[in-house]
Amino acid sequence: MSLPCGYYNANYRQDMAIVRTRPHWVVLILGLAVLFALPLVASGRMLSTLNLIGITLILVHGINILTGYCGQISLGHAAFMMVGAYTSALLTVHLKISFWMALPIAGLGAGIIGLIFGAPSLRVKGFYLAMSTLAAQFIIPWIVVNVRPDITGGSQSFRVPAPTLGDITFNTQTSMFYIIIPIACLMTFFAKNLARTRMGRAFVAIRDNDLAAEVMGINVFRYKLFAFFISAVFAGISGSLWAHWMRVVSYTHFELHHSIWFLGMIIVGGMGYTTGAVMGVAFIRILDEFSATLSPIVATLLPAIAGQVSAALTPIVFGLVVLLFIVFEPRGLAHRWEIFKATYRIWPFSY
């Protein structure tokens, strides 16, 4: 990776660092300071949006590891998120386990389920793998609704307690912000580092050409399962945070169209880029808020179909945005960001 004019690497450690220059450190520290100071000035709606972005970002990082880096398509990540949400809810309600213990267990439980639905990746790929992961989107909700509904709540909403730490109860948008956002930052750091490890490079090799990767000695099936497991762990942690942020879970929160939305986020942000996951989630969630604000205005202009407009505007806008990115910028916002950084690095010697 090139550096701005006037900077150079003196050793391998500097060459591999994520934050590589003093201005980068200044921007990072100031950015984190501003982020964690936001609850002091932000409104409740803005904090709610930021919390939703943080929860979604964790899950989309997992999809990016699986699809963006390893090239394995999944249409079942909302179901894996559901596993994490219900695991955390059941542990805290029925077994009275602390949220802080239920969170990693939820991630591990979702990871094991991800292994089960990732097993077909040994024999199938592409469209057929997408169909096999789609099965999770039907099987897992059916199990929740029909198997022991006395425990899971069945088709009814299931109440979840707020996280506690000593005498502190995290039952507001502000307090949950200080759980969700730090975990989202840590998971982003983990995802960024994973892509630079031996495992991450194996994922990329499998994505580019799995036959060539196998000839080079990479155990393709094992690494595909690793990708499914890690991706589902991210989804499980996201689901656990969702359950305790919403304080209620229902199978209707994790339907097929949610999985499609998550895939759309990495298309918009850019597959194979950690930055792309961040940009895609922020862009789509902010677009969602904008559509919700715009919907009453459009309904006023078209009173004859006001109800239909309110229900359809958000998915229509989302579909158009994804379509435009696929046609005009298939590499996503992250590619635009890389172009900007390349221009910045060679300034003022643009020639």
Protein backbone atom coordinates (compact mmCIF):
# COMPACT_ATOMS: atom_id res chain seq x y z
CA MET A 1 0.00 0.00 0.00
CA SER A 2 1.40 3.41 -0.97
CA LEU A 3 1.82 6.28 1.47
CA PRO A 4 1.35 10.06 1.15
CA CYS A 5 4.31 12.02 -0.16
CA GLY A 6 7.03 12.42 2.47
CA TYR A 7 6.25 9.17 4.37
CA TYR A 8 8.06 5.87 4.07
CA ASN A 9 8.27 2.55 5.94
CA ALA A 10 11.48 1.68 7.76
CA ASN A 11 10.53 -1.85 8.82
CA TYR A 12 8.02 -4.64 8.16
CA ARG A 13 5.95 -3.78 11.23
CA GLN A 14 5.32 -0.27 9.92
CA ASP A 15 4.49 -1.69 6.50
CA MET A 16 1.79 -3.96 7.99
CA ALA A 17 0.27 -1.41 10.38
CA ILE A 18 -3.38 -0.45 9.90
CA VAL A 19 -2.88 3.12 11.14
CA ARG A 20 0.36 4.14 9.46
CA THR A 21 0.97 7.88 9.76
CA ARG A 22 0.64 10.56 12.42
CA PRO A 23 -2.26 12.31 10.63
CA HIS A 24 -4.06 8.94 10.51
CA TRP A 25 -3.64 8.57 14.27
CA VAL A 26 -4.92 12.11 14.86
CA VAL A 27 -7.99 11.52 12.68
CA LEU A 28 -8.68 8.15 14.37
CA ILE A 29 -8.42 9.51 17.92
CA LEU A 30 -10.50 12.59 17.14
CA GLY A 31 -13.08 10.47 15.32
CA LEU A 32 -13.47 8.09 18.27
CA ALA A 33 -13.64 11.02 20.70
CA VAL A 34 -16.42 12.64 18.67
CA LEU A 35 -18.24 9.32 18.28
CA PHE A 36 -18.30 8.55 22.01
CA ALA A 37 -19.23 12.15 22.87
CA LEU A 38 -22.29 12.07 20.59
CA PRO A 39 -24.73 10.90 23.32
CA LEU A 40 -24.09 14.20 25.09
CA VAL A 41 -25.59 16.22 22.23
CA ALA A 42 -27.50 13.80 19.98
CA SER A 43 -31.25 13.32 20.02
CA GLY A 44 -32.90 10.04 20.95
CA ARG A 45 -33.78 9.32 17.30
CA MET A 46 -30.19 9.90 16.19
CA LEU A 47 -28.86 7.60 18.92
CA SER A 48 -31.42 4.97 17.92
CA THR A 49 -30.18 5.16 14.32
CA LEU A 50 -26.54 4.92 15.43
CA ASN A 51 -27.33 1.90 17.59
CA LEU A 52 -29.08 0.24 14.65
CA ILE A 53 -26.10 1.02 12.41
CA GLY A 54 -23.73 -0.52 14.98
CA ILE A 55 -25.77 -3.73 15.29
CA THR A 56 -26.17 -4.06 11.53
CA LEU A 57 -22.49 -3.33 10.94
CA ILE A 58 -21.42 -6.33 13.01
CA LEU A 59 -23.60 -8.66 10.95
CA VAL A 60 -22.55 -7.13 7.62
CA HIS A 61 -18.88 -7.56 8.55
CA GLY A 62 -19.67 -11.25 8.89
CA ILE A 63 -21.33 -11.37 5.46
CA ASN A 64 -18.37 -9.48 4.01
CA ILE A 65 -15.97 -12.10 5.38
CA LEU A 66 -18.06 -14.90 3.89
CA THR A 67 -19.12 -13.34 0.58
CA GLY A 68 -16.69 -10.49 0.00
CA TYR A 69 -13.51 -12.33 0.99
CA CYS A 70 -14.35 -16.03 0.60
CA GLY A 71 -16.82 -15.73 -2.27
CA GLN A 72 -19.56 -17.86 -0.65
CA ILE A 73 -23.07 -16.49 -1.12
CA SER A 74 -25.51 -16.66 1.79
CA LEU A 75 -29.20 -15.79 1.93
CA GLY A 76 -29.65 -17.00 5.49
CA HIS A 77 -27.88 -14.46 7.68
CA ALA A 78 -31.08 -13.04 9.11
CA ALA A 79 -31.78 -16.58 10.38
CA PHE A 80 -28.30 -16.81 11.94
CA MET A 81 -28.96 -13.46 13.59
CA MET A 82 -32.23 -14.94 14.84
CA VAL A 83 -30.33 -17.82 16.46
CA GLY A 84 -28.15 -15.36 18.36
CA ALA A 85 -31.14 -13.25 19.43
CA TYR A 86 -33.20 -16.17 20.72
CA THR A 87 -30.20 -17.88 22.34
CA SER A 88 -29.36 -14.74 24.29
CA ALA A 89 -33.02 -14.14 25.18
CA LEU A 90 -33.64 -17.70 26.39
CA LEU A 91 -30.44 -17.79 28.42
CA THR A 92 -31.17 -14.51 30.20
CA VAL A 93 -34.89 -15.20 30.77
CA HIS A 94 -35.08 -18.91 31.59
CA LEU A 95 -31.59 -19.63 32.98
CA LYS A 96 -31.02 -16.15 34.47
CA ILE A 97 -27.58 -15.95 32.87
CA SER A 98 -26.00 -12.50 32.64
CA PHE A 99 -26.11 -10.72 29.29
CA TRP A 100 -22.31 -10.56 29.33
CA MET A 101 -22.15 -14.36 29.37
CA ALA A 102 -25.08 -14.84 26.99
CA LEU A 103 -23.47 -12.60 24.33
CA PRO A 104 -20.48 -14.88 23.47
CA ILE A 105 -22.63 -18.01 23.89
CA ALA A 106 -25.12 -16.58 21.38
CA GLY A 107 -22.28 -15.97 18.94
CA LEU A 108 -20.94 -19.49 19.40
CA GLY A 109 -24.41 -21.03 19.00
CA ALA A 110 -25.01 -19.15 15.76
CA GLY A 111 -21.55 -20.19 14.57
CA ILE A 112 -22.39 -23.88 15.07
CA ILE A 113 -25.62 -23.45 13.11
CA GLY A 114 -23.62 -21.68 10.42
CA LEU A 115 -21.35 -24.72 10.16
CA ILE A 116 -24.36 -26.96 9.56
CA PHE A 117 -25.72 -24.83 6.72
CA GLY A 118 -22.23 -24.20 5.36
CA ALA A 119 -21.48 -27.91 4.98
CA PRO A 120 -23.05 -28.09 1.47
CA SER A 121 -20.33 -25.67 0.27
CA LEU A 122 -18.13 -28.77 -0.21
CA ARG A 123 -20.27 -29.92 -3.14
CA VAL A 124 -22.11 -26.84 -4.41
CA LYS A 125 -21.31 -23.21 -5.14
CA GLY A 126 -22.88 -20.05 -6.52
CA PHE A 127 -26.63 -20.16 -7.04
CA TYR A 128 -26.97 -23.64 -5.55
CA LEU A 129 -25.11 -22.62 -2.38
CA ALA A 130 -27.40 -19.61 -2.06
CA MET A 131 -30.39 -21.97 -2.25
CA SER A 132 -28.93 -24.23 0.44
CA THR A 133 -28.37 -21.30 2.82
CA LEU A 134 -31.86 -20.07 2.00
CA ALA A 135 -33.10 -23.23 3.70
CA ALA A 136 -31.96 -21.73 7.02
CA GLN A 137 -34.37 -18.87 6.43
CA PHE A 138 -37.29 -21.32 6.48
CA ILE A 139 -36.11 -24.04 8.88
CA ILE A 140 -34.94 -21.90 11.81
CA PRO A 141 -38.10 -19.70 12.09
CA TRP A 142 -40.25 -22.84 11.80
CA ILE A 143 -38.36 -24.43 14.69
CA VAL A 144 -38.74 -21.30 16.83
CA VAL A 145 -42.49 -21.04 16.17
CA ASN A 146 -43.47 -24.71 16.33
CA VAL A 147 -40.95 -26.54 18.56
CA ARG A 148 -41.52 -25.80 22.25
CA PRO A 149 -43.44 -22.53 21.79
CA ASP A 150 -43.90 -22.54 25.57
CA ILE A 151 -40.18 -21.74 25.83
CA THR A 152 -39.57 -19.59 22.75
CA GLY A 153 -42.89 -17.77 22.76
CA GLY A 154 -43.88 -19.30 19.43
CA SER A 155 -45.49 -16.77 17.12
CA GLN A 156 -45.79 -14.27 19.98
CA SER A 157 -43.19 -11.65 20.87
CA PHE A 158 -40.71 -12.69 23.54
CA ARG A 159 -39.76 -10.13 26.18
CA VAL A 160 -36.03 -9.72 26.90
CA PRO A 161 -34.49 -8.07 29.98
CA ALA A 162 -32.17 -5.09 29.72
CA PRO A 163 -28.44 -5.74 30.31
CA THR A 164 -27.15 -4.90 33.77
CA LEU A 165 -23.71 -4.31 35.25
CA GLY A 166 -23.80 -4.13 39.03
CA ASP A 167 -26.39 -1.49 39.87
CA ILE A 168 -26.35 -0.04 36.34
CA THR A 169 -29.22 -0.98 34.01
CA PHE A 170 -28.73 -0.38 30.29
CA ASN A 171 -32.31 0.44 29.36
CA THR A 172 -31.97 3.67 27.36
CA GLN A 173 -30.65 4.52 23.91
CA THR A 174 -27.73 6.36 25.51
CA SER A 175 -26.68 3.52 27.80
CA MET A 176 -27.05 0.89 25.05
CA PHE A 177 -24.93 3.10 22.80
CA TYR A 178 -21.97 2.48 25.12
CA ILE A 179 -22.42 -1.29 24.73
CA ILE A 180 -23.23 -1.51 21.02
CA ILE A 181 -20.73 0.94 19.55
CA PRO A 182 -17.60 -0.32 21.41
CA ILE A 183 -18.47 -3.91 20.39
CA ALA A 184 -19.02 -2.75 16.80
CA CYS A 185 -15.61 -1.03 16.84
CA LEU A 186 -13.91 -4.16 18.21
CA MET A 187 -15.60 -6.40 15.62
CA THR A 188 -14.57 -3.98 12.86
CA PHE A 189 -10.96 -4.14 14.08
CA PHE A 190 -11.14 -7.96 14.17
CA ALA A 191 -12.60 -8.12 10.65
CA LYS A 192 -9.92 -5.78 9.32
CA ASN A 193 -7.13 -7.86 10.88
CA LEU A 194 -8.65 -11.18 9.83
CA ALA A 195 -8.41 -10.15 6.18
CA ARG A 196 -4.63 -9.68 6.60
CA THR A 197 -3.93 -13.06 8.22
CA ARG A 198 -3.08 -16.38 6.61
CA MET A 199 -6.73 -17.36 6.92
CA GLY A 200 -7.88 -14.16 5.23
CA ARG A 201 -5.49 -14.69 2.34
CA ALA A 202 -6.76 -18.26 2.00
CA PHE A 203 -10.32 -16.88 1.82
CA VAL A 204 -9.31 -14.54 -1.02
CA ALA A 205 -7.55 -17.37 -2.87
CA ILE A 206 -10.71 -19.52 -2.64
CA ARG A 207 -12.85 -16.62 -3.83
CA ASP A 208 -10.65 -15.95 -6.86
CA ASN A 209 -10.14 -19.58 -7.92
CA ASP A 210 -10.91 -22.43 -5.54
CA LEU A 211 -9.33 -25.03 -7.83
CA ALA A 212 -6.04 -23.12 -7.97
CA ALA A 213 -6.21 -22.61 -4.19
CA GLU A 214 -6.61 -26.36 -3.65
CA VAL A 215 -3.64 -27.07 -5.96
CA MET A 216 -1.55 -24.67 -3.84
CA GLY A 217 -2.31 -26.77 -0.77
CA ILE A 218 -5.20 -24.83 0.77
CA ASN A 219 -7.82 -27.06 2.38
CA VAL A 220 -10.75 -25.47 0.57
CA PHE A 221 -13.56 -27.16 2.49
CA ARG A 222 -12.03 -26.41 5.90
CA TYR A 223 -11.57 -22.73 5.10
CA LYS A 224 -15.08 -22.48 3.68
CA LEU A 225 -16.40 -23.86 6.96
CA PHE A 226 -14.20 -21.40 8.87
CA ALA A 227 -15.73 -18.59 6.82
CA PHE A 228 -19.28 -19.79 7.53
CA PHE A 229 -18.51 -20.20 11.24
CA ILE A 230 -16.90 -16.78 11.68
CA SER A 231 -19.62 -15.10 9.63
CA ALA A 232 -22.38 -16.74 11.69
CA VAL A 233 -20.60 -15.79 14.95
CA PHE A 234 -20.76 -12.15 13.84
CA ALA A 235 -24.47 -12.62 13.08
CA GLY A 236 -25.08 -14.24 16.48
CA ILE A 237 -23.41 -11.39 18.36
CA SER A 238 -25.42 -8.92 16.30
CA GLY A 239 -28.61 -10.83 17.14
CA SER A 240 -27.84 -10.84 20.85
CA LEU A 241 -27.31 -7.07 20.84
CA TRP A 242 -30.51 -6.64 18.80
CA ALA A 243 -32.55 -8.62 21.33
CA HIS A 244 -31.37 -6.63 24.34
CA TRP A 245 -31.57 -3.32 22.48
CA MET A 246 -35.13 -3.93 21.27
CA ARG A 247 -36.05 -5.67 24.58
CA VAL A 248 -38.28 -8.00 22.55
CA VAL A 249 -37.70 -10.61 19.84
CA SER A 250 -40.02 -12.12 17.26
CA TYR A 251 -39.45 -14.33 14.25
CA THR A 252 -40.86 -11.50 12.10
CA HIS A 253 -37.72 -9.45 12.83
CA PHE A 254 -35.56 -11.89 10.86
CA GLU A 255 -37.27 -12.59 7.56
CA LEU A 256 -35.84 -13.23 4.10
CA HIS A 257 -36.01 -9.62 2.97
CA HIS A 258 -33.71 -8.68 5.87
CA SER A 259 -31.05 -11.07 4.51
CA ILE A 260 -31.42 -9.42 1.11
CA TRP A 261 -31.03 -5.98 2.68
CA PHE A 262 -27.79 -7.08 4.35
CA LEU A 263 -26.42 -8.33 1.02
CA GLY A 264 -27.47 -5.05 -0.58
CA MET A 265 -25.43 -3.17 2.00
CA ILE A 266 -22.16 -4.83 1.00
CA ILE A 267 -23.01 -4.34 -2.69
CA VAL A 268 -23.42 -0.61 -2.07
CA GLY A 269 -20.41 -0.39 0.24
CA GLY A 270 -18.12 -2.69 -1.75
CA MET A 271 -17.49 -6.41 -1.35
CA GLY A 272 -14.11 -7.36 0.02
CA TYR A 273 -13.53 -4.05 1.82
CA THR A 274 -13.90 -3.61 5.57
CA THR A 275 -14.43 0.09 4.89
CA GLY A 276 -17.09 -0.89 2.38
CA ALA A 277 -19.13 -2.65 5.06
CA VAL A 278 -19.07 0.50 7.20
CA MET A 279 -19.98 2.76 4.29
CA GLY A 280 -22.70 0.45 2.99
CA VAL A 281 -24.44 0.06 6.35
CA ALA A 282 -24.29 3.79 7.12
CA PHE A 283 -25.50 4.74 3.63
CA ILE A 284 -28.45 2.32 3.55
CA ARG A 285 -29.57 3.00 7.13
CA ILE A 286 -29.44 6.76 6.59
CA LEU A 287 -31.28 6.28 3.28
CA ASP A 288 -33.89 4.26 5.18
CA GLU A 289 -34.37 7.14 7.63
CA PHE A 290 -34.61 9.60 4.73
CA SER A 291 -37.24 7.45 3.01
CA ALA A 292 -39.27 7.25 6.23
CA THR A 293 -39.16 11.05 6.47
CA LEU A 294 -40.03 11.51 2.81
CA SER A 295 -42.90 9.00 2.82
CA PRO A 296 -45.54 11.28 4.48
CA ILE A 297 -44.68 14.08 2.06
CA VAL A 298 -45.14 11.83 -0.98
CA ALA A 299 -48.36 10.43 0.54
CA THR A 300 -49.70 13.99 0.89
CA LEU A 301 -48.97 14.66 -2.79
CA LEU A 302 -50.66 11.38 -3.82
CA PRO A 303 -53.60 11.01 -1.39
CA ALA A 304 -55.36 8.37 -3.52
CA ILE A 305 -52.54 5.87 -2.91
CA ALA A 306 -51.18 7.23 0.36
CA GLY A 307 -51.23 3.84 2.13
CA GLN A 308 -49.44 2.07 -0.70
CA VAL A 309 -46.81 4.82 -0.95
CA SER A 310 -46.03 4.66 2.77
CA ALA A 311 -45.50 0.90 2.62
CA ALA A 312 -43.61 0.74 -0.68
CA LEU A 313 -41.38 3.82 -0.79
CA THR A 314 -38.51 2.45 1.33
CA PRO A 315 -38.09 -0.88 -0.55
CA ILE A 316 -38.46 0.92 -3.90
CA VAL A 317 -35.70 3.39 -3.02
CA PHE A 318 -33.50 0.57 -1.70
CA GLY A 319 -34.00 -1.49 -4.86
CA LEU A 320 -33.22 1.47 -7.13
CA VAL A 321 -30.07 2.32 -5.19
CA VAL A 322 -28.76 -1.26 -5.33
CA LEU A 323 -29.60 -1.46 -9.04
CA LEU A 324 -27.76 1.79 -9.78
CA PHE A 325 -24.69 0.64 -7.87
CA ILE A 326 -24.64 -2.72 -9.66
CA VAL A 327 -24.81 -0.98 -13.06
CA PHE A 328 -22.62 2.10 -12.52
CA GLU A 329 -20.35 1.28 -9.56
CA PRO A 330 -20.28 -2.49 -8.92
CA ARG A 331 -17.23 -2.14 -6.67
CA GLY A 332 -19.15 0.11 -4.30
CA LEU A 333 -18.43 3.22 -2.29
CA ALA A 334 -15.17 1.77 -0.98
CA HIS A 335 -13.74 1.78 -4.51
CA ARG A 336 -14.53 5.49 -4.81
CA TRP A 337 -12.81 6.01 -1.46
CA GLU A 338 -9.72 4.11 -2.66
CA ILE A 339 -9.56 6.34 -5.75
CA PHE A 340 -9.75 9.43 -3.55
CA LYS A 341 -6.98 8.13 -1.28
CA ALA A 342 -4.76 7.34 -4.26
CA THR A 343 -5.19 10.92 -5.47
CA TYR A 344 -4.41 12.24 -1.98
CA ARG A 345 -1.26 10.14 -1.64
CA ILE A 346 0.39 11.46 -4.81
CA TRP A 347 -0.56 15.08 -4.24
CA PRO A 348 0.93 17.52 -5.30
CA PHE A 349 2.59 15.37 -7.96
CA SER A 350 -0.62 14.35 -9.74
CA TYR A 351 1.18 13.96 -13.05
